[in-house]
Amino acid sequence: MNTASTSEPRWLNDEEQRVWRSYIDATTLLEDHLDRQLQRDAGMPHVYYGLLVKLAESPHRRLRMTELAMYAKITRSRLSHAVARLEKNGWVRREDCPDDKRGQFAVLTDAGQEVLQQTAPGHVEAVRQAVFDRLTTEQQKALGEIMRIVAEGLQPSEAGADLPWLR
């Protein structure tokens, strides 16, 4: 018999509920804030900007599509759609992988690098105003540690883990 299904749920207490709802409110509002800034300044959502940044940071501005999906924490189909939109804008191109007939690389184009350079100052200012300017150095450090612990706990390393980029 499965005891987890017959036992009482571990409900959040009032303080945990307050923390949880504050987290949900903050992350939802932050993502909306950054999406609006990037749509206004570059005509792209935040997730697309993150893809361009990762490609810009990669050797030769290229990365295998599977690695890019893992970085972005999105499904391969969502990544494929995003890259198609970025290709349409001329910011990314796909290249076949020479040693893997099914694999592809996403490559940041010169035009993509240019839009990233133009957009980055406004984006970093939006991030700074929304997060870092509101927190003390100690709060920033604590937030970083907390988010790292949460992220690590949600990324199991065992084979067969149900992670977005594996779907």
Protein backbone atom coordinates (compact mmCIF):
# COMPACT_ATOMS: atom_id res chain seq x y z
CA MET A 1 0.00 0.00 0.00
CA ASN A 2 1.28 3.49 -0.91
CA THR A 3 1.35 5.51 2.31
CA ALA A 4 1.89 8.79 0.45
CA SER A 5 -1.59 8.59 -1.09
CA THR A 6 -3.32 7.81 2.21
CA SER A 7 -1.57 10.34 4.42
CA GLU A 8 -2.69 13.92 4.90
CA PRO A 9 -1.05 16.45 2.52
CA ARG A 10 1.72 18.53 4.04
CA TRP A 11 -0.15 21.84 3.78
CA LEU A 12 1.81 25.07 3.80
CA ASN A 13 1.61 26.99 7.04
CA ASP A 14 0.72 30.69 6.95
CA GLU A 15 4.33 31.87 6.65
CA GLU A 16 5.15 29.32 3.93
CA GLN A 17 2.00 30.35 2.07
CA ARG A 18 3.05 34.00 2.29
CA VAL A 19 6.54 33.20 0.98
CA TRP A 20 5.18 31.03 -1.82
CA ARG A 21 2.68 33.63 -2.99
CA SER A 22 5.31 36.38 -2.84
CA TYR A 23 7.61 34.24 -4.97
CA ILE A 24 4.87 33.57 -7.54
CA ASP A 25 3.89 37.24 -7.67
CA ALA A 26 7.51 38.40 -8.03
CA THR A 27 8.51 35.90 -10.72
CA THR A 28 5.35 36.49 -12.75
CA LEU A 29 5.73 40.27 -12.57
CA LEU A 30 9.48 40.12 -13.28
CA GLU A 31 9.04 37.94 -16.37
CA ASP A 32 6.29 40.27 -17.62
CA HIS A 33 8.48 43.33 -16.94
CA LEU A 34 11.42 41.88 -18.86
CA ASP A 35 9.23 40.62 -21.71
CA ARG A 36 7.67 44.07 -22.15
CA GLN A 37 11.08 45.78 -22.12
CA LEU A 38 12.50 43.39 -24.71
CA GLN A 39 9.39 43.51 -26.90
CA ARG A 40 9.54 47.30 -26.86
CA ASP A 41 13.30 47.53 -27.50
CA ALA A 42 13.91 44.56 -29.80
CA GLY A 43 10.60 42.94 -30.73
CA MET A 44 11.40 39.68 -28.94
CA PRO A 45 10.36 37.91 -25.75
CA HIS A 46 12.74 37.34 -22.86
CA VAL A 47 13.29 33.67 -23.71
CA TYR A 48 14.55 34.61 -27.21
CA TYR A 49 16.94 37.16 -25.73
CA GLY A 50 18.30 34.44 -23.44
CA LEU A 51 18.92 32.20 -26.45
CA LEU A 52 20.84 34.96 -28.23
CA VAL A 53 22.92 35.62 -25.10
CA LYS A 54 23.83 31.94 -24.71
CA LEU A 55 24.85 31.72 -28.36
CA ALA A 56 26.94 34.90 -28.04
CA GLU A 57 28.76 33.37 -25.05
CA SER A 58 29.44 30.07 -26.85
CA PRO A 59 32.59 29.28 -28.85
CA HIS A 60 32.17 30.44 -32.47
CA ARG A 61 28.71 31.73 -31.42
CA ARG A 62 27.26 28.25 -32.02
CA LEU A 63 25.72 25.55 -29.90
CA ARG A 64 24.00 22.24 -30.52
CA MET A 65 20.24 22.62 -30.41
CA THR A 66 19.96 20.04 -27.60
CA GLU A 67 22.44 22.01 -25.46
CA LEU A 68 20.59 25.25 -26.17
CA ALA A 69 17.29 23.67 -25.08
CA MET A 70 18.96 22.47 -21.86
CA TYR A 71 20.36 25.94 -21.16
CA ALA A 72 16.99 27.61 -21.77
CA LYS A 73 15.10 24.94 -19.76
CA ILE A 74 12.56 24.54 -22.57
CA THR A 75 11.30 21.63 -24.64
CA ARG A 76 13.00 20.85 -27.92
CA SER A 77 9.81 21.70 -29.83
CA ARG A 78 9.57 25.12 -28.15
CA LEU A 79 13.24 25.72 -28.94
CA SER A 80 12.69 24.73 -32.57
CA HIS A 81 9.83 27.24 -32.83
CA ALA A 82 11.93 29.97 -31.17
CA VAL A 83 14.91 29.34 -33.44
CA ALA A 84 12.61 29.42 -36.47
CA ARG A 85 11.42 32.89 -35.42
CA LEU A 86 15.00 34.04 -34.79
CA GLU A 87 16.00 32.67 -38.23
CA LYS A 88 13.15 34.61 -39.83
CA ASN A 89 14.59 37.79 -38.27
CA GLY A 90 18.05 36.89 -39.58
CA TRP A 91 19.51 36.66 -36.05
CA VAL A 92 20.22 32.92 -36.00
CA ARG A 93 20.88 30.26 -38.61
CA ARG A 94 20.92 26.48 -38.33
CA GLU A 95 23.78 24.28 -39.48
CA ASP A 96 23.80 20.52 -39.79
CA CYS A 97 26.13 18.70 -37.42
CA PRO A 98 28.85 17.01 -39.52
CA ASP A 99 29.33 14.05 -37.13
CA ASP A 100 25.64 13.51 -36.29
CA LYS A 101 23.20 13.39 -39.20
CA ARG A 102 20.23 14.17 -36.91
CA GLY A 103 21.94 16.93 -34.93
CA GLN A 104 21.91 20.63 -35.69
CA PHE A 105 23.70 23.70 -34.46
CA ALA A 106 22.13 27.09 -33.82
CA VAL A 107 24.52 29.86 -34.85
CA LEU A 108 24.27 33.53 -33.90
CA THR A 109 24.59 35.68 -37.02
CA ASP A 110 26.29 39.05 -37.22
CA ALA A 111 22.81 40.63 -37.31
CA GLY A 112 21.89 38.70 -34.15
CA GLN A 113 25.07 39.88 -32.44
CA GLU A 114 24.23 43.45 -33.43
CA VAL A 115 20.67 43.31 -32.06
CA LEU A 116 22.04 41.81 -28.86
CA GLN A 117 24.58 44.62 -28.48
CA GLN A 118 21.88 47.23 -29.09
CA THR A 119 19.42 45.61 -26.68
CA ALA A 120 21.73 44.61 -23.82
CA PRO A 121 22.10 48.05 -22.18
CA GLY A 122 18.34 48.53 -21.80
CA HIS A 123 17.86 44.96 -20.66
CA VAL A 124 20.55 45.07 -17.99
CA GLU A 125 19.10 48.34 -16.72
CA ALA A 126 15.63 46.75 -16.50
CA VAL A 127 17.10 43.82 -14.54
CA ARG A 128 19.09 46.14 -12.28
CA GLN A 129 16.06 48.34 -11.51
CA ALA A 130 13.70 45.41 -10.98
CA VAL A 131 15.97 43.27 -8.81
CA PHE A 132 19.43 44.42 -7.78
CA ASP A 133 18.66 48.05 -6.94
CA ARG A 134 15.98 46.81 -4.50
CA LEU A 135 18.22 44.41 -2.58
CA THR A 136 21.18 44.79 -0.29
CA THR A 137 24.39 42.94 -1.11
CA GLU A 138 23.51 40.37 1.55
CA GLN A 139 20.01 39.88 0.13
CA GLN A 140 21.44 39.44 -3.38
CA LYS A 141 23.82 36.76 -2.11
CA ALA A 142 21.03 34.99 -0.21
CA LEU A 143 18.71 35.11 -3.23
CA GLY A 144 21.42 33.62 -5.43
CA GLU A 145 22.08 30.80 -2.97
CA ILE A 146 18.37 30.06 -2.54
CA MET A 147 17.66 29.98 -6.27
CA ARG A 148 20.70 27.74 -6.89
CA ILE A 149 19.45 25.25 -4.27
CA VAL A 150 15.93 25.24 -5.73
CA ALA A 151 17.22 24.84 -9.31
CA GLU A 152 19.57 22.01 -8.35
CA GLY A 153 16.74 20.19 -6.60
CA LEU A 154 14.54 20.40 -9.69
CA GLN A 155 17.20 19.00 -12.04
CA PRO A 156 17.66 15.36 -11.03
CA SER A 157 20.72 13.75 -12.57
CA GLU A 158 19.41 10.20 -12.85
CA ALA A 159 18.70 8.71 -16.27
CA GLY A 160 15.14 9.13 -17.45
CA ALA A 161 14.50 12.32 -15.46
CA ASP A 162 11.49 14.22 -16.78
CA LEU A 163 13.14 17.50 -17.76
CA PRO A 164 11.82 19.90 -20.44
CA TRP A 165 14.82 19.66 -22.76
CA LEU A 166 14.54 15.87 -22.81
CA ARG A 167 10.96 16.01 -24.10
